[in-house]
Amino acid sequence: MNTADMTKKIAAGRGFIAALDQSGGSTPKALKGYGIEDGAWSSDEEMFALIHQMRSRIITSDAFTGDKVIGAILFERTMDGEAGGKPVPQALADKGVVPFLKIDKGLEDEANGVQLMKPMPGLGALLDRARGLGVFGTKERSVINLANREGIAAVVTQQFDVAREVLAHGLVPIIEPEVNIKSAERAEADAILLDELTKALDAMTGDDKVMLKLSLPARADLFLPLVEHPRVLRVVALSGGFSRTEACAELAKNTGVIASFSRALLSDLRAQMDDAQFDAALGEAIDEIYAASTAKAPVAA
């Protein structure tokens, strides 16, 4: 796929984006969920090798194709690795899956009810390298815990500053200001975020477009104006701690929003499964998430 094909697939393709981007801090938890306990590795290199084996198994599975998975978000080490004897971005593109790269380096401590992104030294060089490997876009995550307008505005400002650098390097940014679904102020935070994102999108110049990765809102279809905004290529949703069943039920209520799930996609996969069992479990998860992304349920007034 060339860039034009990838753009068309992300903008209008039927399916969802798989989040395969667990980084250093979340890798042990991801491995434990996969059935590999902490004592199975003795160094970070061995830990990352194990998580790469899991991701490679997913990417090369017959169940994982561009028919239902239109994109995949990668950790930097995954981007630099191989799957099925090919560089991972190429392996994805050959299956019709558009590759993205997680670029944030984690979160700052909470202030004003939010967690901004840590500095990203060497970002320009990483973006150039990613583009050279055939990566289409990036993803960068912040977290919103409280309905604090000053904090949420700071999150959006930082996200769009990074997005402009990503766009300048020829890649499409996925802006991810995650609202904590366990927050007592979730609905209010959703509303403030909608307002701040709309202002930032309206202020964009030129022909650039961004993507948005958002928590499933407390009120269904709250983010429909963002889905329809001319500066937004696609709106995707994270599962945010919901089980797959819960996340799919909430996703189906939101018109035009597709999934970008991680734990909700991978939760039933185990290292101990044989290939047939693994492919069946992955295929079942893909089918359920695909259905919620493409067949929307009417919401009662």
C-alpha atoms as a PDB file:
ATOM      1  CA  MET A   1       0.000   0.000   0.000  1.00  0.00           C
ATOM      2  CA  ASN A   2       1.207   3.487  -0.823  1.00  0.00           C
ATOM      3  CA  THR A   3       0.373   6.561   1.276  1.00  0.00           C
ATOM      4  CA  ALA A   4      -2.740   7.353  -0.755  1.00  0.00           C
ATOM      5  CA  ASP A   5      -4.040   3.803  -0.324  1.00  0.00           C
ATOM      6  CA  MET A   6      -3.346   3.944   3.409  1.00  0.00           C
ATOM      7  CA  THR A   7      -5.094   7.302   3.748  1.00  0.00           C
ATOM      8  CA  LYS A   8      -8.164   5.988   1.942  1.00  0.00           C
ATOM      9  CA  LYS A   9      -8.254   2.837   4.059  1.00  0.00           C
ATOM     10  CA  ILE A  10      -7.980   4.727   7.359  1.00  0.00           C
ATOM     11  CA  ALA A  11     -10.517   7.367   6.325  1.00  0.00           C
ATOM     12  CA  ALA A  12     -13.196   5.044   5.006  1.00  0.00           C
ATOM     13  CA  GLY A  13     -12.218   1.420   5.613  1.00  0.00           C
ATOM     14  CA  ARG A  14     -14.560  -0.910   7.472  1.00  0.00           C
ATOM     15  CA  GLY A  15     -12.877  -2.349  10.523  1.00  0.00           C
ATOM     16  CA  PHE A  16     -10.810  -1.184  13.479  1.00  0.00           C
ATOM     17  CA  ILE A  17      -7.260  -0.406  14.601  1.00  0.00           C
ATOM     18  CA  ALA A  18      -5.427  -2.901  16.811  1.00  0.00           C
ATOM     19  CA  ALA A  19      -3.308  -1.373  19.596  1.00  0.00           C
ATOM     20  CA  LEU A  20      -0.172  -3.523  19.898  1.00  0.00           C
ATOM     21  CA  ASP A  21       1.884  -0.808  21.573  1.00  0.00           C
ATOM     22  CA  GLN A  22       2.400  -1.820  25.204  1.00  0.00           C
ATOM     23  CA  SER A  23       5.709  -0.228  26.244  1.00  0.00           C
ATOM     24  CA  GLY A  24       8.207  -0.878  29.035  1.00  0.00           C
ATOM     25  CA  GLY A  25       5.986  -0.060  31.992  1.00  0.00           C
ATOM     26  CA  SER A  26       2.956  -2.014  30.796  1.00  0.00           C
ATOM     27  CA  THR A  27       4.803  -4.958  29.248  1.00  0.00           C
ATOM     28  CA  PRO A  28       4.914  -7.187  32.383  1.00  0.00           C
ATOM     29  CA  LYS A  29       1.161  -6.795  32.844  1.00  0.00           C
ATOM     30  CA  ALA A  30       0.569  -7.610  29.173  1.00  0.00           C
ATOM     31  CA  LEU A  31       2.760 -10.701  29.416  1.00  0.00           C
ATOM     32  CA  LYS A  32       0.995 -11.857  32.583  1.00  0.00           C
ATOM     33  CA  GLY A  33      -2.338 -11.527  30.803  1.00  0.00           C
ATOM     34  CA  TYR A  34      -0.838 -13.672  28.037  1.00  0.00           C
ATOM     35  CA  GLY A  35       0.033 -16.392  30.551  1.00  0.00           C
ATOM     36  CA  ILE A  36       3.737 -15.568  31.044  1.00  0.00           C
ATOM     37  CA  GLU A  37       4.619 -14.815  34.682  1.00  0.00           C
ATOM     38  CA  ASP A  38       7.250 -12.352  35.905  1.00  0.00           C
ATOM     39  CA  GLY A  39       9.914 -14.986  36.550  1.00  0.00           C
ATOM     40  CA  ALA A  40      10.003 -16.039  32.896  1.00  0.00           C
ATOM     41  CA  TRP A  41      12.637 -13.404  32.042  1.00  0.00           C
ATOM     42  CA  SER A  42      15.787 -12.127  33.727  1.00  0.00           C
ATOM     43  CA  SER A  43      16.399  -8.907  31.770  1.00  0.00           C
ATOM     44  CA  ASP A  44      14.522  -6.224  29.870  1.00  0.00           C
ATOM     45  CA  GLU A  45      15.846  -7.665  26.622  1.00  0.00           C
ATOM     46  CA  GLU A  46      14.327 -11.075  27.406  1.00  0.00           C
ATOM     47  CA  MET A  47      11.059  -9.404  28.450  1.00  0.00           C
ATOM     48  CA  PHE A  48      10.839  -7.440  25.217  1.00  0.00           C
ATOM     49  CA  ALA A  49      11.706 -10.567  23.213  1.00  0.00           C
ATOM     50  CA  LEU A  50       8.755 -12.355  24.805  1.00  0.00           C
ATOM     51  CA  ILE A  51       6.306  -9.537  24.057  1.00  0.00           C
ATOM     52  CA  HIS A  52       7.617  -9.380  20.500  1.00  0.00           C
ATOM     53  CA  GLN A  53       6.932 -13.095  20.085  1.00  0.00           C
ATOM     54  CA  MET A  54       3.345 -12.450  21.163  1.00  0.00           C
ATOM     55  CA  ARG A  55       2.922  -9.540  18.761  1.00  0.00           C
ATOM     56  CA  SER A  56       4.544 -11.444  15.911  1.00  0.00           C
ATOM     57  CA  ARG A  57       2.184 -14.361  16.531  1.00  0.00           C
ATOM     58  CA  ILE A  58      -0.769 -11.979  16.312  1.00  0.00           C
ATOM     59  CA  ILE A  59       0.454 -10.217  13.169  1.00  0.00           C
ATOM     60  CA  THR A  60       1.195 -13.477  11.334  1.00  0.00           C
ATOM     61  CA  SER A  61      -2.053 -15.169  12.396  1.00  0.00           C
ATOM     62  CA  ASP A  62      -4.455 -16.045   9.598  1.00  0.00           C
ATOM     63  CA  ALA A  63      -7.168 -14.328  11.656  1.00  0.00           C
ATOM     64  CA  PHE A  64      -5.336 -10.980  11.545  1.00  0.00           C
ATOM     65  CA  THR A  65      -5.938  -9.424   8.129  1.00  0.00           C
ATOM     66  CA  GLY A  66      -6.814  -6.086   6.562  1.00  0.00           C
ATOM     67  CA  ASP A  67     -10.348  -7.282   5.917  1.00  0.00           C
ATOM     68  CA  LYS A  68     -11.310  -6.387   9.500  1.00  0.00           C
ATOM     69  CA  VAL A  69      -8.171  -4.860  11.038  1.00  0.00           C
ATOM     70  CA  ILE A  70      -7.460  -1.699   9.057  1.00  0.00           C
ATOM     71  CA  GLY A  71      -4.527  -0.508  11.169  1.00  0.00           C
ATOM     72  CA  ALA A  72      -2.159  -1.468  13.983  1.00  0.00           C
ATOM     73  CA  ILE A  73      -0.271   0.718  16.470  1.00  0.00           C
ATOM     74  CA  LEU A  74       3.252  -0.473  17.255  1.00  0.00           C
ATOM     75  CA  PHE A  75       5.774   0.033  20.048  1.00  0.00           C
ATOM     76  CA  GLU A  76       9.138   1.304  18.728  1.00  0.00           C
ATOM     77  CA  ARG A  77      10.881  -2.016  19.326  1.00  0.00           C
ATOM     78  CA  THR A  78       8.094  -3.797  17.460  1.00  0.00           C
ATOM     79  CA  MET A  79       8.478  -1.437  14.501  1.00  0.00           C
ATOM     80  CA  ASP A  80      12.190  -2.278  14.411  1.00  0.00           C
ATOM     81  CA  GLY A  81      11.580  -6.034  14.605  1.00  0.00           C
ATOM     82  CA  GLU A  82      10.416  -8.691  12.161  1.00  0.00           C
ATOM     83  CA  ALA A  83       7.298 -10.820  11.813  1.00  0.00           C
ATOM     84  CA  GLY A  84       7.206 -13.768   9.456  1.00  0.00           C
ATOM     85  CA  GLY A  85      10.670 -12.890   8.178  1.00  0.00           C
ATOM     86  CA  LYS A  86       9.701  -9.335   7.175  1.00  0.00           C
ATOM     87  CA  PRO A  87      10.110  -5.943   8.857  1.00  0.00           C
ATOM     88  CA  VAL A  88       6.938  -5.513  10.919  1.00  0.00           C
ATOM     89  CA  PRO A  89       5.590  -2.439   9.046  1.00  0.00           C
ATOM     90  CA  GLN A  90       6.020  -4.306   5.753  1.00  0.00           C
ATOM     91  CA  ALA A  91       4.419  -7.460   7.168  1.00  0.00           C
ATOM     92  CA  LEU A  92       1.402  -5.393   8.201  1.00  0.00           C
ATOM     93  CA  ALA A  93       1.134  -3.516   4.911  1.00  0.00           C
ATOM     94  CA  ASP A  94       1.368  -6.783   2.978  1.00  0.00           C
ATOM     95  CA  LYS A  95      -1.748  -7.946   4.872  1.00  0.00           C
ATOM     96  CA  GLY A  96      -3.581  -4.700   4.160  1.00  0.00           C
ATOM     97  CA  VAL A  97      -3.050  -3.345   7.696  1.00  0.00           C
ATOM     98  CA  VAL A  98      -1.849   0.275   8.011  1.00  0.00           C
ATOM     99  CA  PRO A  99       1.075   0.670  10.473  1.00  0.00           C
ATOM    100  CA  PHE A 100       1.218   3.370  13.181  1.00  0.00           C
ATOM    101  CA  LEU A 101       3.878   4.060  15.841  1.00  0.00           C
ATOM    102  CA  LYS A 102       3.437   4.998  19.513  1.00  0.00           C
ATOM    103  CA  ILE A 103       5.799   7.932  20.087  1.00  0.00           C
ATOM    104  CA  ASP A 104       5.089   9.221  23.594  1.00  0.00           C
ATOM    105  CA  LYS A 105       7.544   8.430  26.391  1.00  0.00           C
ATOM    106  CA  GLY A 106       5.025   8.132  29.194  1.00  0.00           C
ATOM    107  CA  LEU A 107       3.241  10.570  31.478  1.00  0.00           C
ATOM    108  CA  GLU A 108       4.215  13.380  33.814  1.00  0.00           C
ATOM    109  CA  ASP A 109       2.863  13.442  37.375  1.00  0.00           C
ATOM    110  CA  GLU A 110      -0.699  14.720  37.691  1.00  0.00           C
ATOM    111  CA  ALA A 111      -1.259  18.478  37.815  1.00  0.00           C
ATOM    112  CA  ASN A 112      -4.553  20.338  37.366  1.00  0.00           C
ATOM    113  CA  GLY A 113      -6.323  16.990  37.141  1.00  0.00           C
ATOM    114  CA  VAL A 114      -4.346  15.771  34.098  1.00  0.00           C
ATOM    115  CA  GLN A 115      -1.126  14.027  33.143  1.00  0.00           C
ATOM    116  CA  LEU A 116       0.771  15.633  30.308  1.00  0.00           C
ATOM    117  CA  MET A 117       3.229  13.731  28.134  1.00  0.00           C
ATOM    118  CA  LYS A 118       6.880  13.584  29.116  1.00  0.00           C
ATOM    119  CA  PRO A 119       9.429  15.230  26.789  1.00  0.00           C
ATOM    120  CA  MET A 120      10.224  13.289  23.607  1.00  0.00           C
ATOM    121  CA  PRO A 121      13.946  13.774  22.885  1.00  0.00           C
ATOM    122  CA  GLY A 122      14.972  12.776  19.382  1.00  0.00           C
ATOM    123  CA  LEU A 123      11.392  12.863  18.096  1.00  0.00           C
ATOM    124  CA  GLY A 124      12.300  14.238  14.679  1.00  0.00           C
ATOM    125  CA  ALA A 125      14.810  11.473  14.006  1.00  0.00           C
ATOM    126  CA  LEU A 126      12.323   8.828  15.153  1.00  0.00           C
ATOM    127  CA  LEU A 127       9.640  10.218  12.851  1.00  0.00           C
ATOM    128  CA  ASP A 128      12.008  10.185   9.888  1.00  0.00           C
ATOM    129  CA  ARG A 129      13.026   6.604  10.642  1.00  0.00           C
ATOM    130  CA  ALA A 130       9.400   5.516  11.002  1.00  0.00           C
ATOM    131  CA  ARG A 131       8.446   7.065   7.698  1.00  0.00           C
ATOM    132  CA  GLY A 132      11.400   5.342   6.047  1.00  0.00           C
ATOM    133  CA  LEU A 133      10.102   2.001   7.346  1.00  0.00           C
ATOM    134  CA  GLY A 134       6.667   2.595   5.812  1.00  0.00           C
ATOM    135  CA  VAL A 135       4.816   3.766   8.928  1.00  0.00           C
ATOM    136  CA  PHE A 136       1.730   5.886   8.139  1.00  0.00           C
ATOM    137  CA  GLY A 137       1.088   7.679  11.415  1.00  0.00           C
ATOM    138  CA  THR A 138       1.787   8.054  15.119  1.00  0.00           C
ATOM    139  CA  LYS A 139      -0.038   7.883  18.444  1.00  0.00           C
ATOM    140  CA  GLU A 140       0.631   9.971  21.529  1.00  0.00           C
ATOM    141  CA  ARG A 141      -1.281   9.625  24.848  1.00  0.00           C
ATOM    142  CA  SER A 142      -2.171  11.989  27.685  1.00  0.00           C
ATOM    143  CA  VAL A 143      -4.587  11.297  30.561  1.00  0.00           C
ATOM    144  CA  ILE A 144      -7.437  13.413  31.961  1.00  0.00           C
ATOM    145  CA  ASN A 145      -8.596  12.509  35.476  1.00  0.00           C
ATOM    146  CA  LEU A 146     -10.705  15.524  36.428  1.00  0.00           C
ATOM    147  CA  ALA A 147     -12.953  18.068  34.714  1.00  0.00           C
ATOM    148  CA  ASN A 148     -10.382  20.849  35.074  1.00  0.00           C
ATOM    149  CA  ARG A 149     -10.567  23.165  32.066  1.00  0.00           C
ATOM    150  CA  GLU A 150      -7.070  24.576  32.574  1.00  0.00           C
ATOM    151  CA  GLY A 151      -5.599  21.090  32.707  1.00  0.00           C
ATOM    152  CA  ILE A 152      -7.603  19.790  29.737  1.00  0.00           C
ATOM    153  CA  ALA A 153      -6.679  22.850  27.675  1.00  0.00           C
ATOM    154  CA  ALA A 154      -3.007  22.171  28.467  1.00  0.00           C
ATOM    155  CA  VAL A 155      -3.391  18.559  27.318  1.00  0.00           C
ATOM    156  CA  VAL A 156      -4.952  19.626  24.019  1.00  0.00           C
ATOM    157  CA  THR A 157      -2.338  22.350  23.438  1.00  0.00           C
ATOM    158  CA  GLN A 158       0.526  19.904  24.014  1.00  0.00           C
ATOM    159  CA  GLN A 159      -1.088  17.243  21.831  1.00  0.00           C
ATOM    160  CA  PHE A 160      -1.539  19.631  18.910  1.00  0.00           C
ATOM    161  CA  ASP A 161       2.026  20.951  19.288  1.00  0.00           C
ATOM    162  CA  VAL A 162       3.298  17.379  18.880  1.00  0.00           C
ATOM    163  CA  ALA A 163       0.808  16.737  16.066  1.00  0.00           C
ATOM    164  CA  ARG A 164       2.200  19.660  14.068  1.00  0.00           C
ATOM    165  CA  GLU A 165       5.703  18.184  14.274  1.00  0.00           C
ATOM    166  CA  VAL A 166       4.376  14.773  13.207  1.00  0.00           C
ATOM    167  CA  LEU A 167       2.564  16.314  10.240  1.00  0.00           C
ATOM    168  CA  ALA A 168       5.703  18.228   9.264  1.00  0.00           C
ATOM    169  CA  HIS A 169       7.489  14.876   8.934  1.00  0.00           C
ATOM    170  CA  GLY A 170       4.837  13.507   6.575  1.00  0.00           C
ATOM    171  CA  LEU A 171       2.982  11.307   9.075  1.00  0.00           C
ATOM    172  CA  VAL A 172      -0.589  11.410  10.403  1.00  0.00           C
ATOM    173  CA  PRO A 173      -0.916  11.875  14.181  1.00  0.00           C
ATOM    174  CA  ILE A 174      -3.418  10.077  16.378  1.00  0.00           C
ATOM    175  CA  ILE A 175      -4.113  12.491  19.228  1.00  0.00           C
ATOM    176  CA  GLU A 176      -5.061  10.541  22.372  1.00  0.00           C
ATOM    177  CA  PRO A 177      -6.303  12.603  25.351  1.00  0.00           C
ATOM    178  CA  GLU A 178      -7.696   9.697  27.394  1.00  0.00           C
ATOM    179  CA  VAL A 179     -10.439  10.533  29.884  1.00  0.00           C
ATOM    180  CA  ASN A 180     -10.248   8.171  32.859  1.00  0.00           C
ATOM    181  CA  ILE A 181     -13.520   6.220  32.688  1.00  0.00           C
ATOM    182  CA  LYS A 182     -13.385   5.730  36.477  1.00  0.00           C
ATOM    183  CA  SER A 183     -13.361   9.473  37.148  1.00  0.00           C
ATOM    184  CA  ALA A 184     -16.286  10.836  39.143  1.00  0.00           C
ATOM    185  CA  GLU A 185     -16.147  13.808  36.761  1.00  0.00           C
ATOM    186  CA  ARG A 186     -16.070  11.750  33.566  1.00  0.00           C
ATOM    187  CA  ALA A 187     -19.099  13.307  31.852  1.00  0.00           C
ATOM    188  CA  GLU A 188     -17.968  16.856  32.633  1.00  0.00           C
ATOM    189  CA  ALA A 189     -14.431  16.077  31.446  1.00  0.00           C
ATOM    190  CA  ASP A 190     -15.826  14.641  28.186  1.00  0.00           C
ATOM    191  CA  ALA A 191     -17.738  17.882  27.545  1.00  0.00           C
ATOM    192  CA  ILE A 192     -14.752  20.136  28.236  1.00  0.00           C
ATOM    193  CA  LEU A 193     -12.535  17.950  26.045  1.00  0.00           C
ATOM    194  CA  LEU A 194     -15.025  18.180  23.181  1.00  0.00           C
ATOM    195  CA  ASP A 195     -14.960  21.971  23.455  1.00  0.00           C
ATOM    196  CA  GLU A 196     -11.164  22.240  23.608  1.00  0.00           C
ATOM    197  CA  LEU A 197     -10.622  19.783  20.744  1.00  0.00           C
ATOM    198  CA  THR A 198     -13.131  21.626  18.574  1.00  0.00           C
ATOM    199  CA  LYS A 199     -11.334  24.919  19.159  1.00  0.00           C
ATOM    200  CA  ALA A 200      -7.959  23.372  18.303  1.00  0.00           C
ATOM    201  CA  LEU A 201      -9.302  21.704  15.159  1.00  0.00           C
ATOM    202  CA  ASP A 202     -10.990  24.930  14.015  1.00  0.00           C
ATOM    203  CA  ALA A 203      -7.651  26.742  14.391  1.00  0.00           C
ATOM    204  CA  MET A 204      -5.741  24.357  12.108  1.00  0.00           C
ATOM    205  CA  THR A 205      -4.420  25.821   8.861  1.00  0.00           C
ATOM    206  CA  GLY A 206      -3.647  24.331   5.467  1.00  0.00           C
ATOM    207  CA  ASP A 207      -5.025  20.949   4.439  1.00  0.00           C
ATOM    208  CA  ASP A 208      -3.708  18.813   7.291  1.00  0.00           C
ATOM    209  CA  LYS A 209      -5.887  16.275   9.063  1.00  0.00           C
ATOM    210  CA  VAL A 210      -5.437  14.449  12.352  1.00  0.00           C
ATOM    211  CA  MET A 211      -6.978  11.412  13.964  1.00  0.00           C
ATOM    212  CA  LEU A 212      -8.444  11.283  17.458  1.00  0.00           C
ATOM    213  CA  LYS A 213      -8.293   8.382  19.913  1.00  0.00           C
ATOM    214  CA  LEU A 214     -10.802   9.033  22.680  1.00  0.00           C
ATOM    215  CA  SER A 215     -12.305   7.266  25.665  1.00  0.00           C
ATOM    216  CA  LEU A 216     -15.821   6.015  25.094  1.00  0.00           C
ATOM    217  CA  PRO A 217     -17.957   8.937  26.308  1.00  0.00           C
ATOM    218  CA  ALA A 218     -20.402   8.822  29.192  1.00  0.00           C
ATOM    219  CA  ARG A 219     -23.082  10.120  26.799  1.00  0.00           C
ATOM    220  CA  ALA A 220     -23.432   8.228  23.520  1.00  0.00           C
ATOM    221  CA  ASP A 221     -22.622  10.172  20.341  1.00  0.00           C
ATOM    222  CA  LEU A 222     -21.160  13.099  22.293  1.00  0.00           C
ATOM    223  CA  PHE A 223     -18.179  13.095  19.945  1.00  0.00           C
ATOM    224  CA  LEU A 224     -20.216  12.987  16.717  1.00  0.00           C
ATOM    225  CA  PRO A 225     -19.206  16.612  15.909  1.00  0.00           C
ATOM    226  CA  LEU A 226     -15.580  15.442  15.950  1.00  0.00           C
ATOM    227  CA  VAL A 227     -16.375  12.480  13.682  1.00  0.00           C
ATOM    228  CA  GLU A 228     -17.882  14.967  11.219  1.00  0.00           C
ATOM    229  CA  HIS A 229     -15.187  17.655  11.566  1.00  0.00           C
ATOM    230  CA  PRO A 230     -13.373  18.326   8.256  1.00  0.00           C
ATOM    231  CA  ARG A 231      -9.969  18.245  10.015  1.00  0.00           C
ATOM    232  CA  VAL A 232     -10.499  14.743  11.429  1.00  0.00           C
ATOM    233  CA  LEU A 233      -9.528  11.746   9.316  1.00  0.00           C
ATOM    234  CA  ARG A 234     -11.044   9.220  11.766  1.00  0.00           C
ATOM    235  CA  VAL A 235     -12.144   8.943  15.387  1.00  0.00           C
ATOM    236  CA  VAL A 236     -11.165   5.759  17.199  1.00  0.00           C
ATOM    237  CA  ALA A 237     -11.916   4.648  20.753  1.00  0.00           C
ATOM    238  CA  LEU A 238      -9.814   3.014  23.430  1.00  0.00           C
ATOM    239  CA  SER A 239     -11.300   0.383  25.716  1.00  0.00           C
ATOM    240  CA  GLY A 240     -10.000   2.188  28.796  1.00  0.00           C
ATOM    241  CA  GLY A 241     -10.399  -0.665  31.267  1.00  0.00           C
ATOM    242  CA  PHE A 242     -13.759  -1.931  30.029  1.00  0.00           C
ATOM    243  CA  SER A 243     -13.968  -5.645  29.286  1.00  0.00           C
ATOM    244  CA  ARG A 244     -14.317  -6.483  25.604  1.00  0.00           C
ATOM    245  CA  THR A 245     -18.050  -7.114  26.001  1.00  0.00           C
ATOM    246  CA  GLU A 246     -18.545  -3.798  27.808  1.00  0.00           C
ATOM    247  CA  ALA A 247     -16.312  -1.851  25.424  1.00  0.00           C
ATOM    248  CA  CYS A 248     -18.058  -3.250  22.355  1.00  0.00           C
ATOM    249  CA  ALA A 249     -21.492  -2.460  23.802  1.00  0.00           C
ATOM    250  CA  GLU A 250     -20.435   1.153  24.453  1.00  0.00           C
ATOM    251  CA  LEU A 251     -18.675   1.471  21.097  1.00  0.00           C
ATOM    252  CA  ALA A 252     -21.764   0.326  19.206  1.00  0.00           C
ATOM    253  CA  LYS A 253     -23.654   3.325  20.621  1.00  0.00           C
ATOM    254  CA  ASN A 254     -21.261   5.850  19.041  1.00  0.00           C
ATOM    255  CA  THR A 255     -21.893   6.652  15.381  1.00  0.00           C
ATOM    256  CA  GLY A 256     -18.821   6.788  13.168  1.00  0.00           C
ATOM    257  CA  VAL A 257     -16.370   5.759  15.900  1.00  0.00           C
ATOM    258  CA  ILE A 258     -14.286   2.608  15.434  1.00  0.00           C
ATOM    259  CA  ALA A 259     -12.235   0.667  17.969  1.00  0.00           C
ATOM    260  CA  SER A 260      -8.573   0.930  18.777  1.00  0.00           C
ATOM    261  CA  PHE A 261      -8.476  -1.652  21.535  1.00  0.00           C
ATOM    262  CA  SER A 262      -5.513  -3.290  23.252  1.00  0.00           C
ATOM    263  CA  ARG A 263      -6.463  -5.310  26.350  1.00  0.00           C
ATOM    264  CA  ALA A 264      -9.989  -5.849  25.041  1.00  0.00           C
ATOM    265  CA  LEU A 265      -8.496  -7.370  21.882  1.00  0.00           C
ATOM    266  CA  LEU A 266      -5.831  -9.522  23.521  1.00  0.00           C
ATOM    267  CA  SER A 267      -7.530 -10.618  26.755  1.00  0.00           C
ATOM    268  CA  ASP A 268      -8.338 -14.204  25.685  1.00  0.00           C
ATOM    269  CA  LEU A 269      -4.941 -15.006  24.109  1.00  0.00           C
ATOM    270  CA  ARG A 270      -2.507 -17.294  25.939  1.00  0.00           C
ATOM    271  CA  ALA A 271       1.040 -18.359  25.163  1.00  0.00           C
ATOM    272  CA  GLN A 272       0.104 -21.967  25.972  1.00  0.00           C
ATOM    273  CA  MET A 273      -2.484 -22.174  23.152  1.00  0.00           C
ATOM    274  CA  ASP A 274      -1.656 -24.156  20.047  1.00  0.00           C
ATOM    275  CA  ASP A 275      -1.947 -22.306  16.754  1.00  0.00           C
ATOM    276  CA  ALA A 276      -5.514 -23.414  16.071  1.00  0.00           C
ATOM    277  CA  GLN A 277      -6.679 -22.334  19.520  1.00  0.00           C
ATOM    278  CA  PHE A 278      -4.803 -19.042  19.252  1.00  0.00           C
ATOM    279  CA  ASP A 279      -6.224 -18.201  15.833  1.00  0.00           C
ATOM    280  CA  ALA A 280      -9.736 -19.113  16.968  1.00  0.00           C
ATOM    281  CA  ALA A 281      -9.541 -16.909  20.078  1.00  0.00           C
ATOM    282  CA  LEU A 282      -8.044 -14.008  18.136  1.00  0.00           C
ATOM    283  CA  GLY A 283     -10.607 -14.409  15.365  1.00  0.00           C
ATOM    284  CA  GLU A 284     -13.478 -14.344  17.838  1.00  0.00           C
ATOM    285  CA  ALA A 285     -12.172 -11.132  19.418  1.00  0.00           C
ATOM    286  CA  ILE A 286     -11.628  -9.526  16.011  1.00  0.00           C
ATOM    287  CA  ASP A 287     -15.150 -10.444  14.871  1.00  0.00           C
ATOM    288  CA  GLU A 288     -16.734  -8.962  18.004  1.00  0.00           C
ATOM    289  CA  ILE A 289     -14.766  -5.704  17.817  1.00  0.00           C
ATOM    290  CA  TYR A 290     -15.326  -5.429  14.061  1.00  0.00           C
ATOM    291  CA  ALA A 291     -19.080  -5.777  14.556  1.00  0.00           C
ATOM    292  CA  ALA A 292     -19.159  -3.010  17.182  1.00  0.00           C
ATOM    293  CA  SER A 293     -17.070  -0.778  14.911  1.00  0.00           C
ATOM    294  CA  THR A 294     -19.230  -1.239  11.837  1.00  0.00           C
ATOM    295  CA  ALA A 295     -22.795  -2.079  12.961  1.00  0.00           C
ATOM    296  CA  LYS A 296     -24.086   0.632  15.273  1.00  0.00           C
ATOM    297  CA  ALA A 297     -26.927   0.099  17.731  1.00  0.00           C
ATOM    298  CA  PRO A 298     -29.681   2.715  17.988  1.00  0.00           C
ATOM    299  CA  VAL A 299     -29.633   4.636  21.258  1.00  0.00           C
ATOM    300  CA  ALA A 300     -32.892   5.335  23.061  1.00  0.00           C
ATOM    301  CA  ALA A 301     -33.739   9.012  23.347  1.00  0.00           C
END
